[in-house]
Amino acid sequence: MTQNLDKTDILILRALQENARITNKELAAKVHLSPSPVYERLKRLENEGYIEKYTAVLDAEKLNLGFIVFCSVKLQKLNTEIADNFVKRIQEIPEVTECYNISGEFDYLLKIHAPDMKYYNQLILNVLGRIDSLGSIQSSFVMNPIKQSYGLCI
């Protein structure tokens, strides 16, 4: 759907990915337009859904949530009702920061932030383990994050 975007729109989106708190005046200078047309473009990009929301990237280590786990989940069986129920339950777990429905051996891939292994173990036993449709899980623990990019390559 990028056919509706011109070069200036792309520059605006790139600048916002680098710094969502950039002022309209600074943004206008970066894309070589005056503030008024940049503001109008920004509102259009928001209204058309190119910009979903503005957020802050937090330091997980400083917040004692630097223990990162990718948890592959296989359900016992899969149909629309079971999948919908699983997704609803996952959305209620704050430690799950990302969830993807995937193809292959597993049905879902979860990204989980926790303080430590003990906390993660309790999360598996007392939260994920209580989901009736859960068949099996496989955990991969992040030893060292190499690249964490929150923007899109546009």
N, C-alpha and C. Protein backbone atom coordinates (compact mmCIF):
# COMPACT_ATOMS: atom_id res chain seq x y z
N MET A 1 0.82 -1.19 0.00
CA MET A 1 0.00 0.00 0.00
C MET A 1 0.87 1.25 0.00
N THR A 2 2.16 1.08 -0.15
CA THR A 2 3.05 2.24 -0.18
C THR A 2 2.93 3.04 -1.45
N GLN A 3 2.10 2.59 -2.40
CA GLN A 3 1.93 3.35 -3.63
C GLN A 3 1.32 4.73 -3.35
N ASN A 4 0.67 4.91 -2.20
CA ASN A 4 0.11 6.20 -1.83
C ASN A 4 1.13 7.12 -1.16
N LEU A 5 2.33 6.63 -0.96
CA LEU A 5 3.37 7.40 -0.28
C LEU A 5 4.37 7.94 -1.28
N ASP A 6 4.74 9.20 -1.10
CA ASP A 6 5.80 9.75 -1.94
C ASP A 6 7.10 9.79 -1.12
N LYS A 7 8.14 10.31 -1.73
CA LYS A 7 9.47 10.33 -1.11
C LYS A 7 9.46 11.10 0.22
N THR A 8 8.71 12.19 0.27
CA THR A 8 8.64 12.99 1.50
C THR A 8 7.93 12.23 2.61
N ASP A 9 6.86 11.51 2.27
CA ASP A 9 6.16 10.69 3.27
C ASP A 9 7.11 9.65 3.87
N ILE A 10 7.89 9.02 3.01
CA ILE A 10 8.86 8.02 3.47
C ILE A 10 9.89 8.67 4.40
N LEU A 11 10.38 9.83 4.04
CA LEU A 11 11.34 10.54 4.90
C LEU A 11 10.73 10.87 6.26
N ILE A 12 9.48 11.28 6.27
CA ILE A 12 8.78 11.57 7.54
C ILE A 12 8.70 10.31 8.38
N LEU A 13 8.30 9.20 7.78
CA LEU A 13 8.17 7.94 8.53
C LEU A 13 9.53 7.48 9.08
N ARG A 14 10.56 7.61 8.27
CA ARG A 14 11.90 7.22 8.74
C ARG A 14 12.34 8.08 9.92
N ALA A 15 12.12 9.38 9.82
CA ALA A 15 12.51 10.30 10.89
C ALA A 15 11.75 9.98 12.18
N LEU A 16 10.47 9.65 12.06
CA LEU A 16 9.68 9.32 13.25
C LEU A 16 10.12 8.00 13.87
N GLN A 17 10.57 7.06 13.05
CA GLN A 17 11.08 5.80 13.61
C GLN A 17 12.35 6.04 14.42
N GLU A 18 13.14 6.98 14.00
CA GLU A 18 14.36 7.32 14.75
C GLU A 18 14.04 8.05 16.04
N ASN A 19 13.05 8.95 15.99
CA ASN A 19 12.70 9.76 17.16
C ASN A 19 11.24 10.19 17.04
N ALA A 20 10.37 9.50 17.73
CA ALA A 20 8.94 9.81 17.67
C ALA A 20 8.61 11.11 18.40
N ARG A 21 9.55 11.63 19.17
CA ARG A 21 9.30 12.87 19.91
C ARG A 21 9.82 14.11 19.18
N ILE A 22 10.25 13.93 17.97
CA ILE A 22 10.75 15.05 17.18
C ILE A 22 9.62 16.08 17.04
N THR A 23 9.96 17.34 17.15
CA THR A 23 8.93 18.38 16.99
C THR A 23 8.58 18.53 15.52
N ASN A 24 7.42 19.08 15.27
CA ASN A 24 6.98 19.30 13.90
C ASN A 24 7.96 20.22 13.17
N LYS A 25 8.48 21.20 13.88
CA LYS A 25 9.44 22.14 13.28
C LYS A 25 10.73 21.41 12.89
N GLU A 26 11.23 20.56 13.78
CA GLU A 26 12.44 19.78 13.48
C GLU A 26 12.20 18.80 12.33
N LEU A 27 11.02 18.18 12.34
CA LEU A 27 10.66 17.24 11.29
C LEU A 27 10.58 17.97 9.93
N ALA A 28 10.00 19.14 9.92
CA ALA A 28 9.90 19.93 8.69
C ALA A 28 11.28 20.26 8.14
N ALA A 29 12.20 20.63 9.02
CA ALA A 29 13.57 20.95 8.58
C ALA A 29 14.25 19.71 8.00
N LYS A 30 13.98 18.57 8.61
CA LYS A 30 14.61 17.32 8.14
C LYS A 30 14.14 16.92 6.75
N VAL A 31 12.89 17.20 6.44
CA VAL A 31 12.34 16.78 5.15
C VAL A 31 12.24 17.94 4.16
N HIS A 32 12.77 19.08 4.55
CA HIS A 32 12.87 20.26 3.67
C HIS A 32 11.50 20.80 3.23
N LEU A 33 10.58 20.88 4.18
CA LEU A 33 9.28 21.50 3.95
C LEU A 33 8.99 22.44 5.10
N SER A 34 7.98 23.26 4.95
CA SER A 34 7.58 24.12 6.06
C SER A 34 6.71 23.30 7.02
N PRO A 35 6.58 23.75 8.27
CA PRO A 35 5.85 22.97 9.27
C PRO A 35 4.39 22.66 8.92
N SER A 36 3.69 23.57 8.28
CA SER A 36 2.27 23.35 7.99
C SER A 36 2.03 22.15 7.08
N PRO A 37 2.69 22.03 5.92
CA PRO A 37 2.46 20.84 5.10
C PRO A 37 2.94 19.54 5.75
N VAL A 38 3.99 19.63 6.57
CA VAL A 38 4.46 18.43 7.28
C VAL A 38 3.39 17.98 8.28
N TYR A 39 2.79 18.93 8.97
CA TYR A 39 1.73 18.60 9.92
C TYR A 39 0.56 17.92 9.19
N GLU A 40 0.17 18.45 8.05
CA GLU A 40 -0.93 17.87 7.26
C GLU A 40 -0.57 16.45 6.80
N ARG A 41 0.66 16.27 6.34
CA ARG A 41 1.10 14.94 5.91
C ARG A 41 1.08 13.96 7.09
N LEU A 42 1.55 14.43 8.23
CA LEU A 42 1.59 13.60 9.43
C LEU A 42 0.18 13.15 9.83
N LYS A 43 -0.76 14.07 9.81
CA LYS A 43 -2.14 13.72 10.14
C LYS A 43 -2.70 12.72 9.13
N ARG A 44 -2.38 12.89 7.85
CA ARG A 44 -2.84 11.95 6.82
C ARG A 44 -2.24 10.56 7.06
N LEU A 45 -0.94 10.52 7.37
CA LEU A 45 -0.28 9.23 7.63
C LEU A 45 -0.89 8.53 8.84
N GLU A 46 -1.25 9.30 9.85
CA GLU A 46 -1.92 8.72 11.02
C GLU A 46 -3.32 8.23 10.66
N ASN A 47 -4.09 9.06 9.97
CA ASN A 47 -5.48 8.71 9.61
C ASN A 47 -5.56 7.52 8.67
N GLU A 48 -4.57 7.38 7.80
CA GLU A 48 -4.56 6.26 6.86
C GLU A 48 -3.95 4.99 7.46
N GLY A 49 -3.51 5.07 8.71
CA GLY A 49 -3.02 3.88 9.41
C GLY A 49 -1.57 3.52 9.18
N TYR A 50 -0.81 4.37 8.49
CA TYR A 50 0.62 4.09 8.32
C TYR A 50 1.35 4.21 9.66
N ILE A 51 0.87 5.09 10.51
CA ILE A 51 1.41 5.23 11.87
C ILE A 51 0.35 4.68 12.80
N GLU A 52 0.66 3.56 13.45
CA GLU A 52 -0.30 2.92 14.35
C GLU A 52 -0.33 3.60 15.71
N LYS A 53 0.85 3.91 16.25
CA LYS A 53 0.92 4.56 17.56
C LYS A 53 2.33 5.06 17.78
N TYR A 54 2.49 5.86 18.80
CA TYR A 54 3.80 6.35 19.21
C TYR A 54 4.12 5.68 20.55
N THR A 55 5.37 5.27 20.72
CA THR A 55 5.73 4.54 21.93
C THR A 55 7.17 4.84 22.32
N ALA A 56 7.52 4.50 23.54
CA ALA A 56 8.89 4.65 24.03
C ALA A 56 9.53 3.26 24.12
N VAL A 57 10.78 3.16 23.77
CA VAL A 57 11.52 1.90 23.89
C VAL A 57 12.23 1.94 25.25
N LEU A 58 11.88 1.01 26.11
CA LEU A 58 12.41 0.98 27.47
C LEU A 58 13.61 0.05 27.58
N ASP A 59 14.46 0.30 28.54
CA ASP A 59 15.64 -0.53 28.79
C ASP A 59 15.24 -1.69 29.71
N ALA A 60 15.10 -2.88 29.13
CA ALA A 60 14.65 -4.06 29.88
C ALA A 60 15.60 -4.40 31.03
N GLU A 61 16.89 -4.26 30.82
CA GLU A 61 17.86 -4.57 31.87
C GLU A 61 17.65 -3.67 33.09
N LYS A 62 17.52 -2.38 32.85
CA LYS A 62 17.35 -1.43 33.95
C LYS A 62 16.04 -1.66 34.69
N LEU A 63 15.05 -2.22 34.00
CA LEU A 63 13.75 -2.49 34.61
C LEU A 63 13.65 -3.91 35.16
N ASN A 64 14.78 -4.61 35.22
CA ASN A 64 14.86 -5.98 35.72
C ASN A 64 13.95 -6.92 34.92
N LEU A 65 13.91 -6.71 33.62
CA LEU A 65 13.14 -7.59 32.72
C LEU A 65 14.00 -8.02 31.54
N GLY A 66 15.30 -8.16 31.80
CA GLY A 66 16.24 -8.46 30.73
C GLY A 66 16.41 -9.93 30.41
N PHE A 67 15.71 -10.80 31.10
CA PHE A 67 15.74 -12.24 30.80
C PHE A 67 14.71 -12.47 29.69
N ILE A 68 15.21 -12.71 28.48
CA ILE A 68 14.33 -12.81 27.31
C ILE A 68 14.26 -14.26 26.85
N VAL A 69 13.04 -14.70 26.61
CA VAL A 69 12.80 -16.08 26.18
C VAL A 69 11.91 -16.07 24.94
N PHE A 70 12.30 -16.88 23.96
CA PHE A 70 11.41 -17.15 22.84
C PHE A 70 10.81 -18.52 23.12
N CYS A 71 9.51 -18.54 23.25
CA CYS A 71 8.80 -19.75 23.65
C CYS A 71 7.94 -20.22 22.49
N SER A 72 8.27 -21.38 21.95
CA SER A 72 7.48 -21.98 20.86
C SER A 72 6.38 -22.82 21.49
N VAL A 73 5.15 -22.62 21.03
CA VAL A 73 4.00 -23.28 21.62
C VAL A 73 3.27 -24.11 20.57
N LYS A 74 2.98 -25.35 20.94
CA LYS A 74 2.14 -26.23 20.10
C LYS A 74 0.88 -26.53 20.90
N LEU A 75 -0.26 -26.32 20.26
CA LEU A 75 -1.51 -26.63 20.92
C LEU A 75 -1.86 -28.10 20.70
N GLN A 76 -2.68 -28.67 21.61
CA GLN A 76 -3.07 -30.09 21.50
C GLN A 76 -3.80 -30.36 20.20
N LYS A 77 -4.72 -29.47 19.86
CA LYS A 77 -5.39 -29.52 18.57
C LYS A 77 -5.74 -28.08 18.22
N LEU A 78 -6.08 -27.86 16.97
CA LEU A 78 -6.25 -26.49 16.51
C LEU A 78 -7.54 -26.34 15.72
N ASN A 79 -8.37 -25.42 16.18
CA ASN A 79 -9.53 -24.97 15.42
C ASN A 79 -9.76 -23.51 15.79
N THR A 80 -10.71 -22.89 15.17
CA THR A 80 -10.92 -21.45 15.37
C THR A 80 -11.20 -21.11 16.83
N GLU A 81 -12.06 -21.87 17.47
CA GLU A 81 -12.43 -21.59 18.87
C GLU A 81 -11.21 -21.73 19.80
N ILE A 82 -10.45 -22.79 19.62
CA ILE A 82 -9.26 -23.02 20.45
C ILE A 82 -8.23 -21.93 20.20
N ALA A 83 -8.00 -21.59 18.94
CA ALA A 83 -7.03 -20.55 18.60
C ALA A 83 -7.46 -19.20 19.19
N ASP A 84 -8.74 -18.86 19.04
CA ASP A 84 -9.24 -17.59 19.59
C ASP A 84 -9.07 -17.53 21.10
N ASN A 85 -9.36 -18.64 21.77
CA ASN A 85 -9.21 -18.69 23.23
C ASN A 85 -7.75 -18.55 23.63
N PHE A 86 -6.87 -19.23 22.91
CA PHE A 86 -5.43 -19.13 23.21
C PHE A 86 -4.95 -17.69 23.05
N VAL A 87 -5.31 -17.06 21.95
CA VAL A 87 -4.88 -15.68 21.67
C VAL A 87 -5.40 -14.75 22.76
N LYS A 88 -6.64 -14.94 23.17
CA LYS A 88 -7.22 -14.10 24.23
C LYS A 88 -6.43 -14.25 25.53
N ARG A 89 -6.09 -15.47 25.87
CA ARG A 89 -5.33 -15.72 27.11
C ARG A 89 -3.94 -15.10 27.03
N ILE A 90 -3.28 -15.25 25.88
CA ILE A 90 -1.93 -14.71 25.70
C ILE A 90 -1.94 -13.20 25.81
N GLN A 91 -2.95 -12.55 25.25
CA GLN A 91 -3.04 -11.09 25.30
C GLN A 91 -3.19 -10.57 26.73
N GLU A 92 -3.60 -11.41 27.64
CA GLU A 92 -3.77 -11.03 29.05
C GLU A 92 -2.50 -11.21 29.87
N ILE A 93 -1.44 -11.76 29.29
CA ILE A 93 -0.20 -12.03 30.02
C ILE A 93 0.79 -10.91 29.70
N PRO A 94 1.05 -10.01 30.65
CA PRO A 94 1.91 -8.85 30.36
C PRO A 94 3.36 -9.22 30.03
N GLU A 95 3.84 -10.33 30.52
CA GLU A 95 5.21 -10.74 30.25
C GLU A 95 5.42 -11.14 28.79
N VAL A 96 4.34 -11.52 28.12
CA VAL A 96 4.40 -11.85 26.69
C VAL A 96 4.34 -10.53 25.94
N THR A 97 5.47 -10.13 25.37
CA THR A 97 5.54 -8.83 24.69
C THR A 97 5.26 -8.95 23.19
N GLU A 98 5.41 -10.15 22.64
CA GLU A 98 5.09 -10.38 21.24
C GLU A 98 4.56 -11.80 21.10
N CYS A 99 3.65 -11.99 20.16
CA CYS A 99 3.10 -13.32 19.88
C CYS A 99 2.82 -13.40 18.40
N TYR A 100 3.28 -14.48 17.78
CA TYR A 100 3.09 -14.69 16.36
C TYR A 100 2.50 -16.08 16.12
N ASN A 101 1.52 -16.16 15.24
CA ASN A 101 1.01 -17.43 14.75
C ASN A 101 1.97 -17.84 13.63
N ILE A 102 2.59 -18.99 13.77
CA ILE A 102 3.64 -19.40 12.84
C ILE A 102 3.30 -20.72 12.16
N SER A 103 4.03 -21.01 11.10
CA SER A 103 3.88 -22.30 10.44
C SER A 103 5.00 -23.21 10.91
N GLY A 104 4.87 -24.47 10.64
CA GLY A 104 5.91 -25.43 11.01
C GLY A 104 5.49 -26.31 12.16
N GLU A 105 6.46 -26.78 12.90
CA GLU A 105 6.22 -27.73 13.99
C GLU A 105 5.38 -27.13 15.12
N PHE A 106 5.54 -25.83 15.36
CA PHE A 106 4.81 -25.16 16.44
C PHE A 106 3.74 -24.24 15.85
N ASP A 107 2.79 -23.86 16.70
CA ASP A 107 1.67 -23.02 16.25
C ASP A 107 1.90 -21.53 16.54
N TYR A 108 2.60 -21.25 17.64
CA TYR A 108 2.81 -19.86 18.06
C TYR A 108 4.23 -19.67 18.55
N LEU A 109 4.73 -18.46 18.38
CA LEU A 109 6.03 -18.07 18.93
C LEU A 109 5.79 -16.86 19.82
N LEU A 110 6.19 -17.00 21.09
CA LEU A 110 6.01 -15.94 22.08
C LEU A 110 7.37 -15.34 22.44
N LYS A 111 7.41 -14.04 22.60
CA LYS A 111 8.59 -13.38 23.15
C LYS A 111 8.20 -12.96 24.56
N ILE A 112 8.97 -13.42 25.52
CA ILE A 112 8.64 -13.19 26.93
C ILE A 112 9.79 -12.47 27.61
N HIS A 113 9.47 -11.45 28.38
CA HIS A 113 10.45 -10.74 29.21
C HIS A 113 10.17 -11.07 30.67
N ALA A 114 11.20 -11.47 31.39
CA ALA A 114 11.07 -11.82 32.80
C ALA A 114 12.31 -11.36 33.55
N PRO A 115 12.23 -11.30 34.88
CA PRO A 115 13.41 -10.92 35.66
C PRO A 115 14.51 -11.98 35.65
N ASP A 116 14.10 -13.27 35.67
CA ASP A 116 15.10 -14.34 35.77
C ASP A 116 14.46 -15.70 35.45
N MET A 117 15.27 -16.75 35.49
CA MET A 117 14.82 -18.10 35.18
C MET A 117 13.74 -18.58 36.16
N LYS A 118 13.91 -18.28 37.42
CA LYS A 118 12.94 -18.73 38.43
C LYS A 118 11.56 -18.14 38.13
N TYR A 119 11.53 -16.86 37.81
CA TYR A 119 10.27 -16.19 37.47
C TYR A 119 9.66 -16.83 36.23
N TYR A 120 10.49 -17.07 35.21
CA TYR A 120 10.01 -17.69 33.98
C TYR A 120 9.43 -19.08 34.26
N ASN A 121 10.10 -19.84 35.09
CA ASN A 121 9.62 -21.17 35.46
C ASN A 121 8.23 -21.10 36.09
N GLN A 122 8.04 -20.15 36.99
CA GLN A 122 6.73 -19.98 37.63
C GLN A 122 5.67 -19.53 36.62
N LEU A 123 6.08 -18.71 35.66
CA LEU A 123 5.16 -18.28 34.61
C LEU A 123 4.71 -19.47 33.77
N ILE A 124 5.63 -20.36 33.46
CA ILE A 124 5.29 -21.57 32.70
C ILE A 124 4.33 -22.45 33.50
N LEU A 125 4.66 -22.67 34.76
CA LEU A 125 3.85 -23.57 35.59
C LEU A 125 2.48 -23.00 35.95
N ASN A 126 2.44 -21.74 36.30
CA ASN A 126 1.22 -21.16 36.87
C ASN A 126 0.37 -20.34 35.90
N VAL A 127 0.93 -19.98 34.76
CA VAL A 127 0.16 -19.16 33.81
C VAL A 127 -0.01 -19.91 32.48
N LEU A 128 1.08 -20.11 31.76
CA LEU A 128 0.97 -20.81 30.47
C LEU A 128 0.46 -22.24 30.67
N GLY A 129 0.96 -22.90 31.69
CA GLY A 129 0.59 -24.29 31.95
C GLY A 129 -0.88 -24.49 32.28
N ARG A 130 -1.57 -23.41 32.61
CA ARG A 130 -3.00 -23.50 32.93
C ARG A 130 -3.91 -23.31 31.72
N ILE A 131 -3.31 -23.12 30.57
CA ILE A 131 -4.10 -23.01 29.34
C ILE A 131 -4.40 -24.43 28.86
N ASP A 132 -5.67 -24.79 28.90
CA ASP A 132 -6.09 -26.17 28.63
C ASP A 132 -5.62 -26.71 27.29
N SER A 133 -5.60 -25.88 26.27
CA SER A 133 -5.28 -26.36 24.93
C SER A 133 -3.77 -26.51 24.69
N LEU A 134 -2.95 -26.11 25.64
CA LEU A 134 -1.50 -26.18 25.49
C LEU A 134 -1.05 -27.64 25.35
N GLY A 135 -0.31 -27.90 24.28
CA GLY A 135 0.21 -29.25 24.07
C GLY A 135 1.64 -29.35 24.53
N SER A 136 2.52 -28.52 23.96
CA SER A 136 3.92 -28.55 24.35
C SER A 136 4.54 -27.18 24.11
N ILE A 137 5.64 -26.95 24.79
CA ILE A 137 6.39 -25.71 24.61
C ILE A 137 7.87 -26.04 24.50
N GLN A 138 8.57 -25.17 23.82
CA GLN A 138 10.02 -25.27 23.73
C GLN A 138 10.56 -23.86 23.97
N SER A 139 11.46 -23.73 24.93
CA SER A 139 12.00 -22.43 25.29
C SER A 139 13.41 -22.25 24.76
N SER A 140 13.66 -21.08 24.18
CA SER A 140 15.01 -20.69 23.76
C SER A 140 15.35 -19.41 24.50
N PHE A 141 16.44 -19.45 25.25
CA PHE A 141 16.82 -18.32 26.09
C PHE A 141 17.84 -17.44 25.37
N VAL A 142 17.60 -16.15 25.38
CA VAL A 142 18.50 -15.21 24.72
C VAL A 142 19.73 -15.05 25.60
N MET A 143 20.89 -15.36 25.03
CA MET A 143 22.15 -15.22 25.76
C MET A 143 22.71 -13.82 25.60
N ASN A 144 22.56 -13.24 24.40
CA ASN A 144 23.09 -11.91 24.13
C ASN A 144 22.32 -11.31 22.95
N PRO A 145 21.53 -10.28 23.19
CA PRO A 145 20.83 -9.67 22.05
C PRO A 145 21.82 -9.00 21.11
N ILE A 146 21.76 -9.33 19.85
CA ILE A 146 22.70 -8.80 18.86
C ILE A 146 22.10 -7.60 18.13
N LYS A 147 20.85 -7.72 17.74
CA LYS A 147 20.21 -6.62 17.02
C LYS A 147 18.76 -6.53 17.46
N GLN A 148 18.37 -5.38 17.89
CA GLN A 148 16.97 -5.12 18.24
C GLN A 148 16.56 -3.85 17.51
N SER A 149 15.82 -4.01 16.45
CA SER A 149 15.38 -2.88 15.66
C SER A 149 13.88 -2.78 15.77
N TYR A 150 13.39 -1.60 16.10
CA TYR A 150 11.96 -1.45 16.32
C TYR A 150 11.29 -0.78 15.13
N GLY A 151 12.06 -0.44 14.13
CA GLY A 151 11.50 0.20 12.95
C GLY A 151 11.42 -0.76 11.79
N LEU A 152 10.78 -0.30 10.72
CA LEU A 152 10.68 -1.08 9.50
C LEU A 152 11.64 -0.52 8.47
N CYS A 153 12.11 -1.35 7.61
CA CYS A 153 13.02 -0.95 6.54
C CYS A 153 12.20 -0.40 5.38
N ILE A 154 12.00 0.91 5.39
CA ILE A 154 11.22 1.54 4.31
C ILE A 154 12.07 2.52 3.55
